[in-house]
Amino acid sequence: MTDQDQSDFRERMTIVGELDAASFLPWIRRHAAKLGLAQAIAHTSPDRVELDITGPVELIDMMEIGCLLGPIDVWVETIHRTPIHGGAG
């Protein structure tokens, strides 16, 4: 296992609020890419986005802050983070 593998975490980030998925999803993808995080959108609706995200916990923290401050046409009320266990190992 490499050092990078040891520092990567997988989490489900559930974002709740008034979300315009048409603009928010591309923004999420761009922001995750800028941070070097792997991401996959698991669910979208006007009031909830579920995002599976993988990377160093510090960068996932930065992603959370970015989503809270996100694009002007989105109002994020809360973000819940849940570890995803299992997978490669």
N, C-alpha and C. Protein backbone atom coordinates (compact mmCIF):
# COMPACT_ATOMS: atom_id res chain seq x y z
N MET A 1 0.84 -1.18 0.00
CA MET A 1 0.00 0.00 0.00
C MET A 1 0.89 1.24 0.00
N THR A 2 0.56 2.21 -0.81
CA THR A 2 1.35 3.43 -0.89
C THR A 2 0.94 4.41 0.21
N ASP A 3 1.78 5.44 0.43
CA ASP A 3 1.44 6.46 1.41
C ASP A 3 0.14 7.16 1.05
N GLN A 4 -0.09 7.39 -0.26
CA GLN A 4 -1.31 8.05 -0.69
C GLN A 4 -2.53 7.20 -0.35
N ASP A 5 -2.45 5.87 -0.55
CA ASP A 5 -3.56 5.00 -0.22
C ASP A 5 -3.89 5.08 1.26
N GLN A 6 -2.87 5.17 2.11
CA GLN A 6 -3.07 5.20 3.55
C GLN A 6 -3.74 6.51 3.99
N SER A 7 -3.55 7.59 3.24
CA SER A 7 -4.10 8.88 3.66
C SER A 7 -5.45 9.18 3.02
N ASP A 8 -5.92 8.32 2.13
CA ASP A 8 -7.20 8.55 1.47
C ASP A 8 -8.35 7.98 2.28
N PHE A 9 -9.42 8.75 2.36
CA PHE A 9 -10.64 8.35 3.05
C PHE A 9 -11.78 8.40 2.05
N ARG A 10 -12.80 7.59 2.31
CA ARG A 10 -14.01 7.64 1.48
C ARG A 10 -15.16 8.07 2.38
N GLU A 11 -15.91 9.05 1.91
CA GLU A 11 -17.04 9.55 2.68
C GLU A 11 -18.23 9.81 1.77
N ARG A 12 -19.42 9.68 2.35
CA ARG A 12 -20.64 10.12 1.69
C ARG A 12 -20.97 11.48 2.27
N MET A 13 -21.00 12.48 1.41
CA MET A 13 -21.33 13.84 1.82
C MET A 13 -22.76 14.11 1.35
N THR A 14 -23.66 14.32 2.30
CA THR A 14 -25.05 14.63 1.99
C THR A 14 -25.27 16.12 2.21
N ILE A 15 -25.57 16.81 1.13
CA ILE A 15 -25.72 18.26 1.14
C ILE A 15 -27.22 18.56 1.05
N VAL A 16 -27.72 19.33 2.01
CA VAL A 16 -29.16 19.62 2.09
C VAL A 16 -29.36 21.13 2.03
N GLY A 17 -30.36 21.55 1.27
CA GLY A 17 -30.68 22.97 1.17
C GLY A 17 -31.52 23.24 -0.06
N GLU A 18 -31.46 24.46 -0.55
CA GLU A 18 -32.11 24.84 -1.80
C GLU A 18 -31.04 24.76 -2.89
N LEU A 19 -31.06 23.65 -3.60
CA LEU A 19 -29.97 23.33 -4.52
C LEU A 19 -30.45 23.34 -5.96
N ASP A 20 -29.80 24.11 -6.78
CA ASP A 20 -30.06 24.13 -8.22
C ASP A 20 -29.06 23.17 -8.86
N ALA A 21 -29.48 21.92 -9.04
CA ALA A 21 -28.56 20.88 -9.51
C ALA A 21 -27.92 21.23 -10.85
N ALA A 22 -28.62 21.98 -11.69
CA ALA A 22 -28.08 22.32 -13.01
C ALA A 22 -26.78 23.10 -12.91
N SER A 23 -26.64 23.94 -11.91
CA SER A 23 -25.39 24.68 -11.76
C SER A 23 -24.50 24.09 -10.67
N PHE A 24 -25.10 23.48 -9.66
CA PHE A 24 -24.33 22.99 -8.51
C PHE A 24 -23.51 21.76 -8.84
N LEU A 25 -24.07 20.82 -9.61
CA LEU A 25 -23.33 19.59 -9.92
C LEU A 25 -22.05 19.86 -10.71
N PRO A 26 -22.09 20.67 -11.77
CA PRO A 26 -20.83 20.99 -12.45
C PRO A 26 -19.84 21.72 -11.54
N TRP A 27 -20.36 22.57 -10.65
CA TRP A 27 -19.51 23.27 -9.71
C TRP A 27 -18.83 22.28 -8.77
N ILE A 28 -19.59 21.30 -8.26
CA ILE A 28 -19.03 20.26 -7.38
C ILE A 28 -17.91 19.51 -8.11
N ARG A 29 -18.16 19.12 -9.34
CA ARG A 29 -17.15 18.36 -10.11
C ARG A 29 -15.88 19.18 -10.29
N ARG A 30 -16.02 20.46 -10.65
CA ARG A 30 -14.85 21.33 -10.84
C ARG A 30 -14.08 21.54 -9.54
N HIS A 31 -14.81 21.79 -8.47
CA HIS A 31 -14.17 22.05 -7.18
C HIS A 31 -13.43 20.80 -6.69
N ALA A 32 -14.05 19.63 -6.81
CA ALA A 32 -13.39 18.38 -6.41
C ALA A 32 -12.14 18.15 -7.24
N ALA A 33 -12.21 18.41 -8.54
CA ALA A 33 -11.05 18.23 -9.42
C ALA A 33 -9.92 19.17 -9.02
N LYS A 34 -10.25 20.42 -8.69
CA LYS A 34 -9.23 21.38 -8.27
C LYS A 34 -8.52 20.91 -7.00
N LEU A 35 -9.27 20.23 -6.12
CA LEU A 35 -8.69 19.72 -4.88
C LEU A 35 -8.02 18.36 -5.06
N GLY A 36 -8.17 17.74 -6.22
CA GLY A 36 -7.58 16.43 -6.46
C GLY A 36 -8.35 15.30 -5.82
N LEU A 37 -9.66 15.50 -5.61
CA LEU A 37 -10.50 14.49 -4.98
C LEU A 37 -11.25 13.69 -6.03
N ALA A 38 -11.41 12.40 -5.79
CA ALA A 38 -12.27 11.57 -6.63
C ALA A 38 -13.69 11.73 -6.10
N GLN A 39 -14.66 11.87 -6.99
CA GLN A 39 -16.04 12.06 -6.56
C GLN A 39 -16.99 11.34 -7.48
N ALA A 40 -18.14 10.97 -6.93
CA ALA A 40 -19.22 10.38 -7.71
C ALA A 40 -20.53 10.86 -7.11
N ILE A 41 -21.41 11.39 -7.94
CA ILE A 41 -22.71 11.84 -7.48
C ILE A 41 -23.61 10.61 -7.33
N ALA A 42 -24.13 10.38 -6.11
CA ALA A 42 -24.97 9.21 -5.84
C ALA A 42 -26.45 9.55 -5.94
N HIS A 43 -26.84 10.80 -5.65
CA HIS A 43 -28.25 11.19 -5.68
C HIS A 43 -28.34 12.69 -5.87
N THR A 44 -29.34 13.13 -6.63
CA THR A 44 -29.61 14.56 -6.76
C THR A 44 -31.10 14.82 -6.70
N SER A 45 -31.48 15.89 -6.07
CA SER A 45 -32.85 16.39 -6.07
C SER A 45 -32.76 17.89 -5.77
N PRO A 46 -33.87 18.62 -5.87
CA PRO A 46 -33.81 20.06 -5.63
C PRO A 46 -33.39 20.44 -4.20
N ASP A 47 -33.49 19.49 -3.26
CA ASP A 47 -33.14 19.82 -1.88
C ASP A 47 -32.06 18.93 -1.27
N ARG A 48 -31.48 18.01 -2.08
CA ARG A 48 -30.44 17.13 -1.53
C ARG A 48 -29.53 16.61 -2.64
N VAL A 49 -28.23 16.61 -2.34
CA VAL A 49 -27.23 16.00 -3.20
C VAL A 49 -26.41 15.06 -2.33
N GLU A 50 -26.24 13.82 -2.78
CA GLU A 50 -25.38 12.87 -2.09
C GLU A 50 -24.16 12.64 -2.97
N LEU A 51 -23.00 12.84 -2.37
CA LEU A 51 -21.74 12.81 -3.07
C LEU A 51 -20.80 11.85 -2.37
N ASP A 52 -20.30 10.85 -3.10
CA ASP A 52 -19.26 9.97 -2.57
C ASP A 52 -17.93 10.57 -2.96
N ILE A 53 -17.08 10.79 -1.98
CA ILE A 53 -15.84 11.52 -2.22
C ILE A 53 -14.67 10.78 -1.58
N THR A 54 -13.53 10.76 -2.29
CA THR A 54 -12.35 10.04 -1.82
C THR A 54 -11.13 10.95 -1.92
N GLY A 55 -10.35 10.96 -0.83
CA GLY A 55 -9.12 11.74 -0.80
C GLY A 55 -8.66 11.96 0.62
N PRO A 56 -7.61 12.73 0.80
CA PRO A 56 -7.14 13.07 2.15
C PRO A 56 -8.23 13.83 2.91
N VAL A 57 -8.37 13.51 4.18
CA VAL A 57 -9.44 14.10 4.99
C VAL A 57 -9.36 15.63 5.00
N GLU A 58 -8.16 16.19 4.98
CA GLU A 58 -8.01 17.64 4.98
C GLU A 58 -8.63 18.26 3.73
N LEU A 59 -8.47 17.58 2.59
CA LEU A 59 -9.05 18.10 1.35
C LEU A 59 -10.56 17.89 1.30
N ILE A 60 -11.04 16.81 1.91
CA ILE A 60 -12.49 16.61 2.02
C ILE A 60 -13.07 17.72 2.90
N ASP A 61 -12.37 18.10 3.96
CA ASP A 61 -12.79 19.23 4.80
C ASP A 61 -12.90 20.50 3.95
N MET A 62 -11.91 20.72 3.09
CA MET A 62 -11.92 21.90 2.21
C MET A 62 -13.10 21.84 1.24
N MET A 63 -13.43 20.65 0.76
CA MET A 63 -14.57 20.48 -0.13
C MET A 63 -15.87 20.86 0.59
N GLU A 64 -15.98 20.42 1.84
CA GLU A 64 -17.17 20.76 2.63
C GLU A 64 -17.31 22.28 2.77
N ILE A 65 -16.23 22.95 3.12
CA ILE A 65 -16.27 24.41 3.26
C ILE A 65 -16.63 25.06 1.94
N GLY A 66 -16.04 24.56 0.85
CA GLY A 66 -16.36 25.10 -0.47
C GLY A 66 -17.83 24.96 -0.80
N CYS A 67 -18.42 23.80 -0.47
CA CYS A 67 -19.84 23.59 -0.75
C CYS A 67 -20.71 24.52 0.10
N LEU A 68 -20.31 24.75 1.34
CA LEU A 68 -21.07 25.67 2.20
C LEU A 68 -21.05 27.09 1.63
N LEU A 69 -19.94 27.48 1.02
CA LEU A 69 -19.80 28.82 0.45
C LEU A 69 -20.18 28.87 -1.02
N GLY A 70 -20.36 27.71 -1.62
CA GLY A 70 -20.59 27.45 -3.04
C GLY A 70 -21.16 28.54 -3.91
N PRO A 71 -21.68 28.18 -5.05
CA PRO A 71 -22.18 29.16 -6.01
C PRO A 71 -23.33 29.99 -5.44
N ILE A 72 -23.51 31.17 -5.96
CA ILE A 72 -24.48 32.14 -5.44
C ILE A 72 -25.92 31.65 -5.56
N ASP A 73 -26.23 30.81 -6.54
CA ASP A 73 -27.62 30.37 -6.75
C ASP A 73 -27.98 29.13 -5.93
N VAL A 74 -27.14 28.77 -4.96
CA VAL A 74 -27.37 27.59 -4.12
C VAL A 74 -27.35 28.04 -2.66
N TRP A 75 -28.29 27.50 -1.87
CA TRP A 75 -28.30 27.77 -0.43
C TRP A 75 -28.14 26.44 0.29
N VAL A 76 -26.96 26.20 0.86
CA VAL A 76 -26.68 24.97 1.59
C VAL A 76 -27.03 25.20 3.05
N GLU A 77 -27.96 24.38 3.57
CA GLU A 77 -28.35 24.47 4.97
C GLU A 77 -27.44 23.63 5.85
N THR A 78 -27.24 22.37 5.46
CA THR A 78 -26.41 21.46 6.26
C THR A 78 -25.67 20.51 5.35
N ILE A 79 -24.57 20.00 5.88
CA ILE A 79 -23.81 18.94 5.21
C ILE A 79 -23.54 17.86 6.25
N HIS A 80 -23.95 16.64 5.92
CA HIS A 80 -23.69 15.48 6.79
C HIS A 80 -22.61 14.64 6.11
N ARG A 81 -21.63 14.20 6.90
CA ARG A 81 -20.57 13.35 6.34
C ARG A 81 -20.57 12.02 7.07
N THR A 82 -20.54 10.96 6.27
CA THR A 82 -20.53 9.60 6.81
C THR A 82 -19.40 8.82 6.16
N PRO A 83 -18.53 8.19 6.96
CA PRO A 83 -17.47 7.37 6.38
C PRO A 83 -18.06 6.19 5.59
N ILE A 84 -17.40 5.86 4.50
CA ILE A 84 -17.74 4.68 3.72
C ILE A 84 -16.64 3.66 4.00
N HIS A 85 -17.01 2.55 4.59
CA HIS A 85 -16.04 1.52 4.95
C HIS A 85 -16.06 0.43 3.88
N GLY A 86 -14.92 -0.28 3.77
CA GLY A 86 -14.83 -1.37 2.81
C GLY A 86 -14.17 -0.90 1.54
N GLY A 87 -14.38 -1.69 0.49
CA GLY A 87 -13.78 -1.35 -0.80
C GLY A 87 -12.40 -1.97 -0.90
N ALA A 88 -11.51 -1.29 -1.62
CA ALA A 88 -10.16 -1.81 -1.84
C ALA A 88 -9.42 -1.88 -0.52
N GLY A 89 -8.65 -2.90 -0.34
CA GLY A 89 -7.95 -2.94 0.90
C GLY A 89 -7.07 -4.11 0.96
